[in-house]
Amino acid sequence: MIDPQSAGLPSWAQVGEKRLAHIERVTSLLRAWSAAMRLVPDEARAWIDAGIWHDALRDAPGDELREITADRTSPEGLLHGPAAAIRLAADGEERRDVLDAIHFHTIGSGEWKQTGRALYMADYLEPGRKFLHEDRNFLASQVPHNFDGVFRQVVRFRLDWSVREGNHIYPETVALWNSLR
């Protein structure tokens, strides 16, 4: 594990070098998009904080994540977001958009505002992922110009992949799909 505070992560974060590189790529996209879209400073800060913190517990042991979340049934891979949101709230984080973005970043939420949607896209579009490289790079370049259109496409890609792979579709994911206009 690396020193989490050197990356702006909370002291309780558990991330290895590969995870930190992913976090940095996600955050880099969010910084670039927020600058290109000329977001007000508070909103830009929310996007960047969500990017930095979204995987703060991704490398934590499953037992620890279950203890934090009190969730005994969800797959371990879905617990790091809720656990990080719980820890952040306990540390005093009050921005609901940031907490919800982090909590639901793996499955989505129909209740999201821009922060959650931006994190969901950045987590999927970050250039370190090995699939659909050209398509994802193109979509990432279009976010500042067509935020809602790119978001719809990312949701489609992620939902299509889940269906194709026979993965469980969570109610939050369905609500996200149904929230698209």
Protein backbone atom coordinates (compact mmCIF):
# COMPACT_ATOMS: atom_id res chain seq x y z
CA MET A 1 0.00 0.00 0.00
CA ILE A 2 1.09 3.56 -0.62
CA ASP A 3 0.85 6.59 1.63
CA PRO A 4 -2.75 7.64 0.94
CA GLN A 5 -2.36 11.20 2.18
CA SER A 6 0.29 11.99 -0.41
CA ALA A 7 -2.44 11.54 -3.05
CA GLY A 8 -5.08 13.57 -1.19
CA LEU A 9 -6.73 10.43 0.15
CA PRO A 10 -7.94 10.10 3.74
CA SER A 11 -5.61 8.41 6.23
CA TRP A 12 -7.85 5.31 6.31
CA ALA A 13 -7.63 4.74 2.53
CA GLN A 14 -6.29 1.41 1.30
CA VAL A 15 -4.95 1.63 -2.23
CA GLY A 16 -2.05 0.03 -4.02
CA GLU A 17 -0.02 1.57 -6.83
CA LYS A 18 -2.29 0.28 -9.62
CA ARG A 19 -5.39 1.62 -7.88
CA LEU A 20 -3.72 4.97 -7.25
CA ALA A 21 -2.84 5.22 -10.94
CA HIS A 22 -6.50 4.58 -11.80
CA ILE A 23 -7.63 7.23 -9.30
CA GLU A 24 -5.19 9.72 -10.82
CA ARG A 25 -6.46 9.04 -14.35
CA VAL A 26 -10.09 9.43 -13.25
CA THR A 27 -9.30 12.64 -11.41
CA SER A 28 -7.34 13.98 -14.37
CA LEU A 29 -10.39 13.56 -16.61
CA LEU A 30 -12.64 15.24 -14.04
CA ARG A 31 -10.21 18.18 -13.72
CA ALA A 32 -10.02 18.61 -17.50
CA TRP A 33 -13.78 18.37 -17.98
CA SER A 34 -14.59 20.76 -15.14
CA ALA A 35 -12.11 23.31 -16.52
CA ALA A 36 -13.39 22.97 -20.10
CA MET A 37 -16.98 23.32 -18.87
CA ARG A 38 -16.01 26.30 -16.71
CA LEU A 39 -17.70 24.92 -13.64
CA VAL A 40 -17.97 27.13 -10.59
CA PRO A 41 -15.14 26.31 -8.14
CA ASP A 42 -17.36 24.50 -5.61
CA GLU A 43 -18.77 22.17 -8.25
CA ALA A 44 -15.35 21.53 -9.77
CA ARG A 45 -14.03 20.71 -6.28
CA ALA A 46 -16.91 18.27 -5.76
CA TRP A 47 -16.05 16.45 -9.00
CA ILE A 48 -12.36 16.26 -8.13
CA ASP A 49 -12.98 15.12 -4.55
CA ALA A 50 -15.36 12.41 -5.78
CA GLY A 51 -12.66 11.24 -8.19
CA ILE A 52 -9.96 11.16 -5.54
CA TRP A 53 -12.10 9.37 -2.96
CA HIS A 54 -14.23 6.98 -5.06
CA ASP A 55 -11.83 4.02 -4.76
CA ALA A 56 -10.27 4.93 -1.40
CA LEU A 57 -11.21 1.50 -0.02
CA ARG A 58 -11.05 -0.54 -3.24
CA ASP A 59 -8.11 -2.58 -1.97
CA ALA A 60 -9.51 -3.09 1.56
CA PRO A 61 -10.29 -6.63 2.71
CA GLY A 62 -13.88 -7.76 2.18
CA ASP A 63 -14.43 -8.44 5.87
CA GLU A 64 -13.52 -4.85 6.69
CA LEU A 65 -15.87 -3.52 4.01
CA ARG A 66 -18.70 -5.68 5.35
CA GLU A 67 -18.04 -4.41 8.86
CA ILE A 68 -18.17 -0.77 7.73
CA THR A 69 -21.31 -1.20 5.61
CA ALA A 70 -23.07 -3.87 7.69
CA ASP A 71 -23.85 -5.46 4.30
CA ARG A 72 -23.56 -9.24 4.45
CA THR A 73 -25.12 -10.07 1.08
CA SER A 74 -23.81 -7.80 -1.70
CA PRO A 75 -20.81 -8.96 -3.72
CA GLU A 76 -17.54 -7.68 -2.23
CA GLY A 77 -16.74 -5.74 -5.41
CA LEU A 78 -19.72 -3.46 -4.74
CA LEU A 79 -18.87 -2.59 -1.14
CA HIS A 80 -15.92 -0.21 -1.52
CA GLY A 81 -18.05 2.74 -2.70
CA PRO A 82 -20.63 2.54 0.10
CA ALA A 83 -17.86 1.93 2.66
CA ALA A 84 -15.88 4.97 1.49
CA ALA A 85 -19.02 7.15 1.57
CA ILE A 86 -19.78 5.99 5.11
CA ARG A 87 -16.22 6.71 6.28
CA LEU A 88 -16.20 10.12 4.58
CA ALA A 89 -19.51 11.07 6.20
CA ALA A 90 -18.16 9.96 9.58
CA ASP A 91 -15.17 12.24 8.95
CA GLY A 92 -17.52 15.17 8.38
CA GLU A 93 -18.09 15.20 4.62
CA GLU A 94 -21.55 16.69 4.10
CA ARG A 95 -21.86 17.21 0.34
CA ARG A 96 -24.63 14.78 -0.58
CA ASP A 97 -23.71 14.86 -4.29
CA VAL A 98 -20.15 13.76 -3.49
CA LEU A 99 -21.24 11.04 -1.06
CA ASP A 100 -23.88 9.70 -3.46
CA ALA A 101 -21.43 9.75 -6.38
CA ILE A 102 -18.95 7.66 -4.40
CA HIS A 103 -21.56 5.36 -2.87
CA PHE A 104 -23.16 4.39 -6.20
CA HIS A 105 -20.25 4.76 -8.64
CA THR A 106 -20.20 1.05 -9.53
CA ILE A 107 -23.93 0.53 -10.19
CA GLY A 108 -25.31 4.01 -10.84
CA SER A 109 -28.17 6.02 -9.39
CA GLY A 110 -31.22 7.61 -10.94
CA GLU A 111 -30.97 10.36 -8.31
CA TRP A 112 -27.57 11.65 -9.40
CA LYS A 113 -26.84 15.22 -10.32
CA GLN A 114 -23.75 16.13 -12.37
CA THR A 115 -21.14 15.00 -9.82
CA GLY A 116 -22.32 11.38 -9.83
CA ARG A 117 -22.74 11.35 -13.57
CA ALA A 118 -19.28 12.84 -14.12
CA LEU A 119 -17.63 10.28 -11.83
CA TYR A 120 -19.51 7.40 -13.49
CA MET A 121 -18.25 8.53 -16.89
CA ALA A 122 -14.68 9.22 -15.77
CA ASP A 123 -14.43 5.84 -14.04
CA TYR A 124 -15.48 4.14 -17.27
CA LEU A 125 -13.70 6.38 -19.78
CA GLU A 126 -10.32 6.72 -18.07
CA PRO A 127 -7.60 5.83 -20.59
CA GLY A 128 -5.97 3.04 -18.56
CA ARG A 129 -8.77 0.60 -19.32
CA LYS A 130 -7.96 -1.82 -22.13
CA PHE A 131 -11.30 -2.19 -23.96
CA LEU A 132 -12.88 -0.04 -26.69
CA HIS A 133 -9.91 2.32 -26.42
CA GLU A 134 -10.69 4.51 -29.44
CA ASP A 135 -14.42 4.73 -28.69
CA ARG A 136 -13.83 5.62 -25.05
CA ASN A 137 -11.18 8.22 -25.91
CA PHE A 138 -13.57 9.84 -28.37
CA LEU A 139 -16.38 9.89 -25.80
CA ALA A 140 -14.07 11.35 -23.16
CA SER A 141 -13.15 14.18 -25.53
CA GLN A 142 -16.84 14.96 -26.09
CA VAL A 143 -17.93 15.26 -22.44
CA PRO A 144 -17.42 19.06 -22.22
CA HIS A 145 -19.43 19.56 -25.41
CA ASN A 146 -22.21 17.02 -24.88
CA PHE A 147 -22.26 15.97 -21.22
CA ASP A 148 -25.76 14.44 -21.27
CA GLY A 149 -25.31 12.68 -24.61
CA VAL A 150 -22.02 11.08 -23.57
CA PHE A 151 -23.53 10.10 -20.24
CA ARG A 152 -26.39 8.31 -22.01
CA GLN A 153 -23.89 6.48 -24.21
CA VAL A 154 -21.74 5.41 -21.24
CA VAL A 155 -24.81 4.09 -19.43
CA ARG A 156 -25.79 2.17 -22.59
CA PHE A 157 -22.30 0.69 -22.94
CA ARG A 158 -22.17 -0.37 -19.31
CA LEU A 159 -25.69 -1.79 -19.28
CA ASP A 160 -25.14 -3.60 -22.59
CA TRP A 161 -21.97 -5.19 -21.21
CA SER A 162 -23.77 -6.30 -18.03
CA VAL A 163 -26.59 -7.90 -20.02
CA ARG A 164 -24.17 -9.55 -22.47
CA GLU A 165 -22.11 -10.98 -19.60
CA GLY A 166 -25.21 -12.20 -17.77
CA ASN A 167 -24.50 -9.98 -14.77
CA HIS A 168 -27.13 -9.01 -12.23
CA ILE A 169 -28.83 -5.71 -13.02
CA TYR A 170 -29.36 -3.80 -9.78
CA PRO A 171 -32.49 -1.71 -9.10
CA GLU A 172 -30.29 1.40 -8.89
CA THR A 173 -28.97 0.65 -12.38
CA VAL A 174 -32.51 0.27 -13.70
CA ALA A 175 -33.45 3.58 -12.05
CA LEU A 176 -30.42 5.20 -13.70
CA TRP A 177 -31.47 3.87 -17.10
CA ASN A 178 -35.04 5.03 -16.53
CA SER A 179 -33.83 8.52 -15.53
CA LEU A 180 -32.28 9.14 -18.95
CA ARG A 181 -34.23 11.47 -21.21
